[in-house]
Amino acid sequence: MNMGRPKIIAKVTGFISIAICIAYLLLITIFDFRTYLNDQLSNIN
């Protein structure tokens, strides 16, 4: 039996899940900063 294929699939799946987590955190950070920026701009007027 070839045990290399399941290990490769596991590593690729892990990498994809970590990439999704990082992208999610970046999006949340960007949208949170936009909300803060909009609040600051609306307070100026």
N, C-alpha and C. Protein backbone atom coordinates (compact mmCIF):
# COMPACT_ATOMS: atom_id res chain seq x y z
N MET A 1 0.84 -1.20 0.00
CA MET A 1 0.00 0.00 0.00
C MET A 1 0.87 1.25 0.00
N ASN A 2 0.37 2.27 -0.67
CA ASN A 2 1.09 3.53 -0.74
C ASN A 2 0.56 4.47 0.33
N MET A 3 1.39 4.78 1.34
CA MET A 3 0.96 5.64 2.45
C MET A 3 1.29 7.11 2.18
N GLY A 4 1.91 7.43 1.04
CA GLY A 4 2.28 8.81 0.75
C GLY A 4 1.09 9.67 0.40
N ARG A 5 0.12 9.09 -0.30
CA ARG A 5 -1.03 9.88 -0.76
C ARG A 5 -1.87 10.44 0.39
N PRO A 6 -2.22 9.65 1.42
CA PRO A 6 -3.00 10.24 2.53
C PRO A 6 -2.26 11.35 3.26
N LYS A 7 -0.95 11.22 3.38
CA LYS A 7 -0.18 12.29 4.05
C LYS A 7 -0.19 13.56 3.23
N ILE A 8 -0.09 13.42 1.91
CA ILE A 8 -0.12 14.61 1.04
C ILE A 8 -1.49 15.27 1.13
N ILE A 9 -2.55 14.48 1.10
CA ILE A 9 -3.91 15.04 1.19
C ILE A 9 -4.10 15.74 2.53
N ALA A 10 -3.59 15.14 3.60
CA ALA A 10 -3.72 15.75 4.92
C ALA A 10 -2.97 17.09 4.99
N LYS A 11 -1.79 17.15 4.42
CA LYS A 11 -1.01 18.39 4.44
C LYS A 11 -1.68 19.47 3.59
N VAL A 12 -2.20 19.09 2.43
CA VAL A 12 -2.86 20.08 1.56
C VAL A 12 -4.13 20.60 2.24
N THR A 13 -4.90 19.71 2.85
CA THR A 13 -6.12 20.12 3.55
C THR A 13 -5.79 21.05 4.72
N GLY A 14 -4.75 20.73 5.47
CA GLY A 14 -4.32 21.59 6.58
C GLY A 14 -3.88 22.95 6.10
N PHE A 15 -3.13 22.99 5.00
CA PHE A 15 -2.68 24.26 4.45
C PHE A 15 -3.87 25.10 3.99
N ILE A 16 -4.85 24.47 3.34
CA ILE A 16 -6.03 25.20 2.88
C ILE A 16 -6.80 25.77 4.07
N SER A 17 -6.95 24.98 5.13
CA SER A 17 -7.71 25.47 6.28
C SER A 17 -6.98 26.62 6.97
N ILE A 18 -5.66 26.56 7.06
CA ILE A 18 -4.89 27.66 7.65
C ILE A 18 -5.00 28.91 6.78
N ALA A 19 -4.96 28.73 5.46
CA ALA A 19 -5.08 29.87 4.54
C ALA A 19 -6.45 30.53 4.68
N ILE A 20 -7.51 29.72 4.83
CA ILE A 20 -8.85 30.28 5.01
C ILE A 20 -8.93 31.04 6.33
N CYS A 21 -8.33 30.52 7.38
CA CYS A 21 -8.35 31.21 8.68
C CYS A 21 -7.63 32.56 8.60
N ILE A 22 -6.48 32.58 7.96
CA ILE A 22 -5.72 33.83 7.84
C ILE A 22 -6.50 34.85 7.00
N ALA A 23 -7.10 34.39 5.89
CA ALA A 23 -7.88 35.29 5.05
C ALA A 23 -9.07 35.85 5.83
N TYR A 24 -9.72 35.01 6.63
CA TYR A 24 -10.86 35.45 7.43
C TYR A 24 -10.42 36.52 8.44
N LEU A 25 -9.32 36.28 9.13
CA LEU A 25 -8.83 37.26 10.11
C LEU A 25 -8.48 38.58 9.44
N LEU A 26 -7.86 38.52 8.25
CA LEU A 26 -7.52 39.75 7.54
C LEU A 26 -8.78 40.51 7.13
N LEU A 27 -9.78 39.80 6.65
CA LEU A 27 -11.03 40.48 6.25
C LEU A 27 -11.71 41.13 7.45
N ILE A 28 -11.75 40.42 8.57
CA ILE A 28 -12.37 40.97 9.78
C ILE A 28 -11.61 42.22 10.22
N THR A 29 -10.28 42.17 10.16
CA THR A 29 -9.47 43.32 10.56
C THR A 29 -9.73 44.52 9.65
N ILE A 30 -9.80 44.26 8.35
CA ILE A 30 -10.03 45.36 7.39
C ILE A 30 -11.41 45.98 7.62
N PHE A 31 -12.45 45.15 7.76
CA PHE A 31 -13.79 45.69 7.95
C PHE A 31 -13.93 46.40 9.29
N ASP A 32 -13.25 45.90 10.32
CA ASP A 32 -13.29 46.56 11.62
C ASP A 32 -12.61 47.92 11.54
N PHE A 33 -11.49 48.01 10.83
CA PHE A 33 -10.79 49.28 10.68
C PHE A 33 -11.64 50.26 9.87
N ARG A 34 -12.36 49.76 8.86
CA ARG A 34 -13.23 50.65 8.07
C ARG A 34 -14.33 51.24 8.95
N THR A 35 -14.90 50.44 9.84
CA THR A 35 -15.93 50.95 10.74
C THR A 35 -15.36 52.04 11.64
N TYR A 36 -14.16 51.82 12.17
CA TYR A 36 -13.51 52.81 13.02
C TYR A 36 -13.23 54.09 12.23
N LEU A 37 -12.75 53.92 10.99
CA LEU A 37 -12.44 55.08 10.15
C LEU A 37 -13.71 55.86 9.81
N ASN A 38 -14.79 55.17 9.51
CA ASN A 38 -16.07 55.86 9.20
C ASN A 38 -16.58 56.61 10.43
N ASP A 39 -16.41 56.03 11.61
CA ASP A 39 -16.85 56.73 12.83
C ASP A 39 -16.02 57.99 13.04
N GLN A 40 -14.72 57.91 12.79
CA GLN A 40 -13.88 59.09 12.96
C GLN A 40 -14.24 60.19 11.95
N LEU A 41 -14.50 59.79 10.71
CA LEU A 41 -14.83 60.77 9.69
C LEU A 41 -16.19 61.43 9.95
N SER A 42 -17.13 60.67 10.48
CA SER A 42 -18.44 61.25 10.75
C SER A 42 -18.40 62.17 11.97
N ASN A 43 -17.45 61.96 12.86
CA ASN A 43 -17.31 62.83 14.03
C ASN A 43 -16.68 64.17 13.68
N ILE A 44 -15.96 64.22 12.58
CA ILE A 44 -15.30 65.47 12.17
C ILE A 44 -16.34 66.51 11.76
N ASN A 45 -17.35 66.09 11.05
CA ASN A 45 -18.37 67.04 10.54
C ASN A 45 -19.23 67.58 11.61
